[in-house]
Amino acid sequence: MSLTFPNTSRSFDEIRNVVRFTGYDGMFEVKFFVDATALVKTAASKVSEADCLRAFDAARARIQVAATRLYSPKRGTIYTLSAADLV
């Protein structure tokens, strides 16, 4: 099977400073986190939830391509994408 993203929901985790979203490999759920600093270029250590979610939505296609590239069924079901993964 290949990785798909049928659920467009995403959420901001303020404690981890990431945006969470989910992909699926067949019936298996794969959790992804995108580091907020990869989404919003700022000097501040914390960025707002609204800014992160807006940036995520604007870059969703690119983020999903990066997530697909990073994903390997043998590597597990939880991934964190950094700025380097989004280039």
PDB file of N, CA and C in Angstrom:
ATOM      1  N   MET A   1       0.836  -1.188   0.000  1.00  0.00           N
ATOM      2  CA  MET A   1       0.000   0.000   0.000  1.00  0.00           C
ATOM      3  C   MET A   1       0.875   1.243   0.000  1.00  0.00           C
ATOM      4  N   SER A   2       0.262   2.339  -0.353  1.00  0.00           N
ATOM      5  CA  SER A   2       0.990   3.598  -0.313  1.00  0.00           C
ATOM      6  C   SER A   2       0.336   4.529   0.694  1.00  0.00           C
ATOM      7  N   LEU A   3       1.061   5.520   1.076  1.00  0.00           N
ATOM      8  CA  LEU A   3       0.605   6.482   2.068  1.00  0.00           C
ATOM      9  C   LEU A   3      -0.419   7.425   1.447  1.00  0.00           C
ATOM     10  N   THR A   4      -1.550   7.624   2.144  1.00  0.00           N
ATOM     11  CA  THR A   4      -2.586   8.549   1.694  1.00  0.00           C
ATOM     12  C   THR A   4      -2.952   9.490   2.836  1.00  0.00           C
ATOM     13  N   PHE A   5      -3.607  10.581   2.475  1.00  0.00           N
ATOM     14  CA  PHE A   5      -4.004  11.593   3.455  1.00  0.00           C
ATOM     15  C   PHE A   5      -5.474  11.956   3.260  1.00  0.00           C
ATOM     16  N   PRO A   6      -6.387  11.013   3.514  1.00  0.00           N
ATOM     17  CA  PRO A   6      -7.806  11.284   3.272  1.00  0.00           C
ATOM     18  C   PRO A   6      -8.436  12.242   4.285  1.00  0.00           C
ATOM     19  N   ASN A   7      -7.852  12.368   5.442  1.00  0.00           N
ATOM     20  CA  ASN A   7      -8.384  13.222   6.502  1.00  0.00           C
ATOM     21  C   ASN A   7      -7.601  14.536   6.491  1.00  0.00           C
ATOM     22  N   THR A   8      -8.289  15.635   6.239  1.00  0.00           N
ATOM     23  CA  THR A   8      -7.592  16.921   6.133  1.00  0.00           C
ATOM     24  C   THR A   8      -7.452  17.642   7.467  1.00  0.00           C
ATOM     25  N   SER A   9      -7.865  17.005   8.551  1.00  0.00           N
ATOM     26  CA  SER A   9      -7.751  17.684   9.840  1.00  0.00           C
ATOM     27  C   SER A   9      -6.291  17.783  10.270  1.00  0.00           C
ATOM     28  N   ARG A  10      -6.029  18.824  11.030  1.00  0.00           N
ATOM     29  CA  ARG A  10      -4.707  19.051  11.608  1.00  0.00           C
ATOM     30  C   ARG A  10      -4.924  19.812  12.890  1.00  0.00           C
ATOM     31  N   SER A  11      -3.965  19.747  13.785  1.00  0.00           N
ATOM     32  CA  SER A  11      -4.103  20.453  15.064  1.00  0.00           C
ATOM     33  C   SER A  11      -2.728  20.929  15.520  1.00  0.00           C
ATOM     34  N   PHE A  12      -2.773  21.945  16.356  1.00  0.00           N
ATOM     35  CA  PHE A  12      -1.534  22.520  16.874  1.00  0.00           C
ATOM     36  C   PHE A  12      -1.296  21.995  18.282  1.00  0.00           C
ATOM     37  N   ASP A  13      -0.098  21.521  18.539  1.00  0.00           N
ATOM     38  CA  ASP A  13       0.293  21.059  19.863  1.00  0.00           C
ATOM     39  C   ASP A  13       1.224  22.120  20.441  1.00  0.00           C
ATOM     40  N   GLU A  14       0.689  22.917  21.349  1.00  0.00           N
ATOM     41  CA  GLU A  14       1.446  24.037  21.910  1.00  0.00           C
ATOM     42  C   GLU A  14       2.634  23.577  22.745  1.00  0.00           C
ATOM     43  N   ILE A  15       2.490  22.465  23.430  1.00  0.00           N
ATOM     44  CA  ILE A  15       3.576  21.961  24.277  1.00  0.00           C
ATOM     45  C   ILE A  15       4.772  21.520  23.427  1.00  0.00           C
ATOM     46  N   ARG A  16       4.517  20.787  22.369  1.00  0.00           N
ATOM     47  CA  ARG A  16       5.595  20.332  21.484  1.00  0.00           C
ATOM     48  C   ARG A  16       5.968  21.359  20.427  1.00  0.00           C
ATOM     49  N   ASN A  17       5.103  22.370  20.231  1.00  0.00           N
ATOM     50  CA  ASN A  17       5.309  23.402  19.214  1.00  0.00           C
ATOM     51  C   ASN A  17       5.367  22.783  17.820  1.00  0.00           C
ATOM     52  N   VAL A  18       4.340  21.953  17.534  1.00  0.00           N
ATOM     53  CA  VAL A  18       4.230  21.265  16.252  1.00  0.00           C
ATOM     54  C   VAL A  18       2.785  21.291  15.766  1.00  0.00           C
ATOM     55  N   VAL A  19       2.625  21.046  14.476  1.00  0.00           N
ATOM     56  CA  VAL A  19       1.298  20.795  13.910  1.00  0.00           C
ATOM     57  C   VAL A  19       1.215  19.300  13.659  1.00  0.00           C
ATOM     58  N   ARG A  20       0.113  18.703  14.118  1.00  0.00           N
ATOM     59  CA  ARG A  20      -0.099  17.261  13.958  1.00  0.00           C
ATOM     60  C   ARG A  20      -1.024  17.009  12.771  1.00  0.00           C
ATOM     61  N   PHE A  21      -0.737  15.954  12.027  1.00  0.00           N
ATOM     62  CA  PHE A  21      -1.666  15.487  10.998  1.00  0.00           C
ATOM     63  C   PHE A  21      -1.455  13.993  10.816  1.00  0.00           C
ATOM     64  N   THR A  22      -2.372  13.354  10.121  1.00  0.00           N
ATOM     65  CA  THR A  22      -2.363  11.899  10.035  1.00  0.00           C
ATOM     66  C   THR A  22      -2.397  11.436   8.587  1.00  0.00           C
ATOM     67  N   GLY A  23      -1.648  10.385   8.322  1.00  0.00           N
ATOM     68  CA  GLY A  23      -1.687   9.700   7.043  1.00  0.00           C
ATOM     69  C   GLY A  23      -2.077   8.255   7.286  1.00  0.00           C
ATOM     70  N   TYR A  24      -2.371   7.541   6.224  1.00  0.00           N
ATOM     71  CA  TYR A  24      -2.760   6.140   6.348  1.00  0.00           C
ATOM     72  C   TYR A  24      -2.040   5.305   5.312  1.00  0.00           C
ATOM     73  N   ASP A  25      -1.529   4.174   5.770  1.00  0.00           N
ATOM     74  CA  ASP A  25      -0.951   3.165   4.898  1.00  0.00           C
ATOM     75  C   ASP A  25      -1.887   1.973   5.002  1.00  0.00           C
ATOM     76  N   GLY A  26      -2.837   1.902   4.082  1.00  0.00           N
ATOM     77  CA  GLY A  26      -3.886   0.900   4.203  1.00  0.00           C
ATOM     78  C   GLY A  26      -4.707   1.198   5.438  1.00  0.00           C
ATOM     79  N   MET A  27      -4.802   0.245   6.335  1.00  0.00           N
ATOM     80  CA  MET A  27      -5.579   0.449   7.563  1.00  0.00           C
ATOM     81  C   MET A  27      -4.719   0.986   8.714  1.00  0.00           C
ATOM     82  N   PHE A  28      -3.437   1.175   8.492  1.00  0.00           N
ATOM     83  CA  PHE A  28      -2.541   1.633   9.550  1.00  0.00           C
ATOM     84  C   PHE A  28      -2.440   3.156   9.571  1.00  0.00           C
ATOM     85  N   GLU A  29      -2.652   3.737  10.745  1.00  0.00           N
ATOM     86  CA  GLU A  29      -2.542   5.174  10.928  1.00  0.00           C
ATOM     87  C   GLU A  29      -1.086   5.553  11.144  1.00  0.00           C
ATOM     88  N   VAL A  30      -0.652   6.612  10.485  1.00  0.00           N
ATOM     89  CA  VAL A  30       0.714   7.107  10.612  1.00  0.00           C
ATOM     90  C   VAL A  30       0.620   8.552  11.086  1.00  0.00           C
ATOM     91  N   LYS A  31       1.222   8.845  12.237  1.00  0.00           N
ATOM     92  CA  LYS A  31       1.159  10.186  12.814  1.00  0.00           C
ATOM     93  C   LYS A  31       2.360  10.998  12.364  1.00  0.00           C
ATOM     94  N   PHE A  32       2.063  12.232  11.981  1.00  0.00           N
ATOM     95  CA  PHE A  32       3.112  13.151  11.558  1.00  0.00           C
ATOM     96  C   PHE A  32       3.035  14.422  12.389  1.00  0.00           C
ATOM     97  N   PHE A  33       4.199  14.978  12.658  1.00  0.00           N
ATOM     98  CA  PHE A  33       4.323  16.266  13.335  1.00  0.00           C
ATOM     99  C   PHE A  33       5.211  17.140  12.459  1.00  0.00           C
ATOM    100  N   VAL A  34       4.831  18.402  12.299  1.00  0.00           N
ATOM    101  CA  VAL A  34       5.675  19.356  11.583  1.00  0.00           C
ATOM    102  C   VAL A  34       6.110  20.407  12.583  1.00  0.00           C
ATOM    103  N   ASP A  35       7.407  20.541  12.745  1.00  0.00           N
ATOM    104  CA  ASP A  35       7.962  21.529  13.664  1.00  0.00           C
ATOM    105  C   ASP A  35       7.494  22.922  13.259  1.00  0.00           C
ATOM    106  N   ALA A  36       6.985  23.693  14.219  1.00  0.00           N
ATOM    107  CA  ALA A  36       6.457  25.032  13.943  1.00  0.00           C
ATOM    108  C   ALA A  36       7.509  25.929  13.311  1.00  0.00           C
ATOM    109  N   THR A  37       8.752  25.763  13.689  1.00  0.00           N
ATOM    110  CA  THR A  37       9.812  26.607  13.114  1.00  0.00           C
ATOM    111  C   THR A  37      10.037  26.288  11.636  1.00  0.00           C
ATOM    112  N   ALA A  38       9.617  25.103  11.203  1.00  0.00           N
ATOM    113  CA  ALA A  38       9.713  24.760   9.788  1.00  0.00           C
ATOM    114  C   ALA A  38       8.601  25.431   8.992  1.00  0.00           C
ATOM    115  N   LEU A  39       7.528  25.788   9.666  1.00  0.00           N
ATOM    116  CA  LEU A  39       6.375  26.391   9.001  1.00  0.00           C
ATOM    117  C   LEU A  39       6.423  27.910   8.975  1.00  0.00           C
ATOM    118  N   VAL A  40       6.830  28.498  10.087  1.00  0.00           N
ATOM    119  CA  VAL A  40       6.783  29.952  10.240  1.00  0.00           C
ATOM    120  C   VAL A  40       8.189  30.456  10.527  1.00  0.00           C
ATOM    121  N   LYS A  41       8.688  31.255   9.643  1.00  0.00           N
ATOM    122  CA  LYS A  41      10.030  31.811   9.805  1.00  0.00           C
ATOM    123  C   LYS A  41       9.957  33.028  10.723  1.00  0.00           C
ATOM    124  N   THR A  42      10.449  32.878  11.931  1.00  0.00           N
ATOM    125  CA  THR A  42      10.416  33.970  12.896  1.00  0.00           C
ATOM    126  C   THR A  42      11.563  33.820  13.879  1.00  0.00           C
ATOM    127  N   ALA A  43      11.923  34.901  14.516  1.00  0.00           N
ATOM    128  CA  ALA A  43      12.972  34.858  15.530  1.00  0.00           C
ATOM    129  C   ALA A  43      12.414  34.423  16.877  1.00  0.00           C
ATOM    130  N   ALA A  44      11.104  34.448  17.031  1.00  0.00           N
ATOM    131  CA  ALA A  44      10.478  34.073  18.310  1.00  0.00           C
ATOM    132  C   ALA A  44      10.589  32.573  18.527  1.00  0.00           C
ATOM    133  N   SER A  45      10.729  32.171  19.784  1.00  0.00           N
ATOM    134  CA  SER A  45      10.828  30.746  20.091  1.00  0.00           C
ATOM    135  C   SER A  45       9.469  30.058  19.985  1.00  0.00           C
ATOM    136  N   LYS A  46       8.400  30.795  20.201  1.00  0.00           N
ATOM    137  CA  LYS A  46       7.043  30.256  20.077  1.00  0.00           C
ATOM    138  C   LYS A  46       6.283  31.086  19.055  1.00  0.00           C
ATOM    139  N   VAL A  47       5.478  30.429  18.243  1.00  0.00           N
ATOM    140  CA  VAL A  47       4.640  31.119  17.276  1.00  0.00           C
ATOM    141  C   VAL A  47       3.191  30.812  17.591  1.00  0.00           C
ATOM    142  N   SER A  48       2.289  31.606  17.085  1.00  0.00           N
ATOM    143  CA  SER A  48       0.882  31.422  17.416  1.00  0.00           C
ATOM    144  C   SER A  48       0.291  30.214  16.694  1.00  0.00           C
ATOM    145  N   GLU A  49      -0.735  29.659  17.307  1.00  0.00           N
ATOM    146  CA  GLU A  49      -1.449  28.532  16.710  1.00  0.00           C
ATOM    147  C   GLU A  49      -2.014  28.919  15.352  1.00  0.00           C
ATOM    148  N   ALA A  50      -2.628  30.081  15.271  1.00  0.00           N
ATOM    149  CA  ALA A  50      -3.231  30.525  14.015  1.00  0.00           C
ATOM    150  C   ALA A  50      -2.190  30.652  12.907  1.00  0.00           C
ATOM    151  N   ASP A  51      -1.029  31.206  13.224  1.00  0.00           N
ATOM    152  CA  ASP A  51       0.035  31.346  12.231  1.00  0.00           C
ATOM    153  C   ASP A  51       0.517  29.980  11.740  1.00  0.00           C
ATOM    154  N   CYS A  52       0.686  29.058  12.662  1.00  0.00           N
ATOM    155  CA  CYS A  52       1.154  27.714  12.292  1.00  0.00           C
ATOM    156  C   CYS A  52       0.143  26.991  11.414  1.00  0.00           C
ATOM    157  N   LEU A  53      -1.126  27.029  11.801  1.00  0.00           N
ATOM    158  CA  LEU A  53      -2.149  26.329  11.022  1.00  0.00           C
ATOM    159  C   LEU A  53      -2.330  26.969   9.644  1.00  0.00           C
ATOM    160  N   ARG A  54      -2.254  28.275   9.568  1.00  0.00           N
ATOM    161  CA  ARG A  54      -2.354  28.978   8.284  1.00  0.00           C
ATOM    162  C   ARG A  54      -1.173  28.586   7.382  1.00  0.00           C
ATOM    163  N   ALA A  55       0.012  28.548   7.945  1.00  0.00           N
ATOM    164  CA  ALA A  55       1.202  28.158   7.174  1.00  0.00           C
ATOM    165  C   ALA A  55       1.121  26.696   6.744  1.00  0.00           C
ATOM    166  N   PHE A  56       0.617  25.841   7.619  1.00  0.00           N
ATOM    167  CA  PHE A  56       0.446  24.428   7.275  1.00  0.00           C
ATOM    168  C   PHE A  56      -0.510  24.283   6.095  1.00  0.00           C
ATOM    169  N   ASP A  57      -1.656  24.954   6.188  1.00  0.00           N
ATOM    170  CA  ASP A  57      -2.651  24.867   5.117  1.00  0.00           C
ATOM    171  C   ASP A  57      -2.086  25.351   3.785  1.00  0.00           C
ATOM    172  N   ALA A  58      -1.306  26.409   3.813  1.00  0.00           N
ATOM    173  CA  ALA A  58      -0.722  26.958   2.590  1.00  0.00           C
ATOM    174  C   ALA A  58       0.300  25.997   1.975  1.00  0.00           C
ATOM    175  N   ALA A  59       0.960  25.211   2.804  1.00  0.00           N
ATOM    176  CA  ALA A  59       2.022  24.311   2.327  1.00  0.00           C
ATOM    177  C   ALA A  59       1.617  22.840   2.385  1.00  0.00           C
ATOM    178  N   ARG A  60       0.327  22.563   2.552  1.00  0.00           N
ATOM    179  CA  ARG A  60      -0.135  21.173   2.746  1.00  0.00           C
ATOM    180  C   ARG A  60       0.394  20.221   1.670  1.00  0.00           C
ATOM    181  N   ALA A  61       0.282  20.570   0.417  1.00  0.00           N
ATOM    182  CA  ALA A  61       0.721  19.668  -0.655  1.00  0.00           C
ATOM    183  C   ALA A  61       2.209  19.345  -0.526  1.00  0.00           C
ATOM    184  N   ARG A  62       3.013  20.368  -0.296  1.00  0.00           N
ATOM    185  CA  ARG A  62       4.465  20.172  -0.141  1.00  0.00           C
ATOM    186  C   ARG A  62       4.779  19.339   1.093  1.00  0.00           C
ATOM    187  N   ILE A  63       4.028  19.559   2.172  1.00  0.00           N
ATOM    188  CA  ILE A  63       4.222  18.797   3.415  1.00  0.00           C
ATOM    189  C   ILE A  63       3.876  17.330   3.202  1.00  0.00           C
ATOM    190  N   GLN A  64       2.791  17.062   2.488  1.00  0.00           N
ATOM    191  CA  GLN A  64       2.406  15.673   2.237  1.00  0.00           C
ATOM    192  C   GLN A  64       3.407  14.962   1.337  1.00  0.00           C
ATOM    193  N   VAL A  65       3.976  15.670   0.390  1.00  0.00           N
ATOM    194  CA  VAL A  65       5.030  15.082  -0.448  1.00  0.00           C
ATOM    195  C   VAL A  65       6.241  14.737   0.417  1.00  0.00           C
ATOM    196  N   ALA A  66       6.622  15.646   1.307  1.00  0.00           N
ATOM    197  CA  ALA A  66       7.761  15.396   2.199  1.00  0.00           C
ATOM    198  C   ALA A  66       7.464  14.231   3.139  1.00  0.00           C
ATOM    199  N   ALA A  67       6.247  14.161   3.649  1.00  0.00           N
ATOM    200  CA  ALA A  67       5.868  13.069   4.549  1.00  0.00           C
ATOM    201  C   ALA A  67       5.920  11.734   3.823  1.00  0.00           C
ATOM    202  N   THR A  68       5.458  11.713   2.594  1.00  0.00           N
ATOM    203  CA  THR A  68       5.491  10.483   1.797  1.00  0.00           C
ATOM    204  C   THR A  68       6.923  10.051   1.533  1.00  0.00           C
ATOM    205  N   ARG A  69       7.781  11.015   1.246  1.00  0.00           N
ATOM    206  CA  ARG A  69       9.201  10.723   0.994  1.00  0.00           C
ATOM    207  C   ARG A  69       9.887  10.176   2.253  1.00  0.00           C
ATOM    208  N   LEU A  70       9.528  10.716   3.409  1.00  0.00           N
ATOM    209  CA  LEU A  70      10.141  10.327   4.673  1.00  0.00           C
ATOM    210  C   LEU A  70       9.625   8.978   5.187  1.00  0.00           C
ATOM    211  N   TYR A  71       8.391   8.653   4.858  1.00  0.00           N
ATOM    212  CA  TYR A  71       7.728   7.470   5.405  1.00  0.00           C
ATOM    213  C   TYR A  71       8.325   6.159   4.888  1.00  0.00           C
ATOM    214  N   SER A  72       8.491   5.223   5.813  1.00  0.00           N
ATOM    215  CA  SER A  72       8.880   3.857   5.491  1.00  0.00           C
ATOM    216  C   SER A  72       8.176   2.943   6.489  1.00  0.00           C
ATOM    217  N   PRO A  73       7.388   1.980   6.018  1.00  0.00           N
ATOM    218  CA  PRO A  73       6.658   1.106   6.940  1.00  0.00           C
ATOM    219  C   PRO A  73       7.563   0.416   7.963  1.00  0.00           C
ATOM    220  N   LYS A  74       8.792   0.180   7.609  1.00  0.00           N
ATOM    221  CA  LYS A  74       9.718  -0.505   8.514  1.00  0.00           C
ATOM    222  C   LYS A  74      10.244   0.417   9.607  1.00  0.00           C
ATOM    223  N   ARG A  75      10.057   1.726   9.440  1.00  0.00           N
ATOM    224  CA  ARG A  75      10.622   2.699  10.371  1.00  0.00           C
ATOM    225  C   ARG A  75       9.670   3.102  11.492  1.00  0.00           C
ATOM    226  N   GLY A  76       8.417   2.732  11.400  1.00  0.00           N
ATOM    227  CA  GLY A  76       7.485   3.054  12.460  1.00  0.00           C
ATOM    228  C   GLY A  76       6.312   3.885  11.988  1.00  0.00           C
ATOM    229  N   THR A  77       5.534   4.389  12.952  1.00  0.00           N
ATOM    230  CA  THR A  77       4.309   5.099  12.611  1.00  0.00           C
ATOM    231  C   THR A  77       4.242   6.516  13.167  1.00  0.00           C
ATOM    232  N   ILE A  78       5.361   7.050  13.626  1.00  0.00           N
ATOM    233  CA  ILE A  78       5.397   8.421  14.123  1.00  0.00           C
ATOM    234  C   ILE A  78       6.616   9.123  13.514  1.00  0.00           C
ATOM    235  N   TYR A  79       6.365  10.280  12.881  1.00  0.00           N
ATOM    236  CA  TYR A  79       7.415  11.020  12.182  1.00  0.00           C
ATOM    237  C   TYR A  79       7.330  12.497  12.533  1.00  0.00           C
ATOM    238  N   THR A  80       8.463  13.152  12.648  1.00  0.00           N
ATOM    239  CA  THR A  80       8.514  14.606  12.840  1.00  0.00           C
ATOM    240  C   THR A  80       9.267  15.196  11.668  1.00  0.00           C
ATOM    241  N   LEU A  81       8.608  16.117  10.955  1.00  0.00           N
ATOM    242  CA  LEU A  81       9.223  16.791   9.821  1.00  0.00           C
ATOM    243  C   LEU A  81       9.846  18.100  10.288  1.00  0.00           C
ATOM    244  N   SER A  82      11.046  18.344   9.829  1.00  0.00           N
ATOM    245  CA  SER A  82      11.770  19.579  10.154  1.00  0.00           C
ATOM    246  C   SER A  82      11.847  20.452   8.901  1.00  0.00           C
ATOM    247  N   ALA A  83      12.450  21.607   9.033  1.00  0.00           N
ATOM    248  CA  ALA A  83      12.634  22.497   7.888  1.00  0.00           C
ATOM    249  C   ALA A  83      13.425  21.811   6.776  1.00  0.00           C
ATOM    250  N   ALA A  84      14.406  21.009   7.148  1.00  0.00           N
ATOM    251  CA  ALA A  84      15.231  20.311   6.153  1.00  0.00           C
ATOM    252  C   ALA A  84      14.411  19.330   5.317  1.00  0.00           C
ATOM    253  N   ASP A  85      13.359  18.761   5.904  1.00  0.00           N
ATOM    254  CA  ASP A  85      12.512  17.818   5.187  1.00  0.00           C
ATOM    255  C   ASP A  85      11.601  18.511   4.176  1.00  0.00           C
ATOM    256  N   LEU A  86      11.364  19.806   4.374  1.00  0.00           N
ATOM    257  CA  LEU A  86      10.412  20.527   3.528  1.00  0.00           C
ATOM    258  C   LEU A  86      11.043  21.237   2.343  1.00  0.00           C
ATOM    259  N   VAL A  87      12.333  21.032   2.119  1.00  0.00           N
ATOM    260  CA  VAL A  87      12.983  21.696   0.980  1.00  0.00           C
ATOM    261  C   VAL A  87      12.837  20.894  -0.282  1.00  0.00           C
TER     262      VAL A  87
END
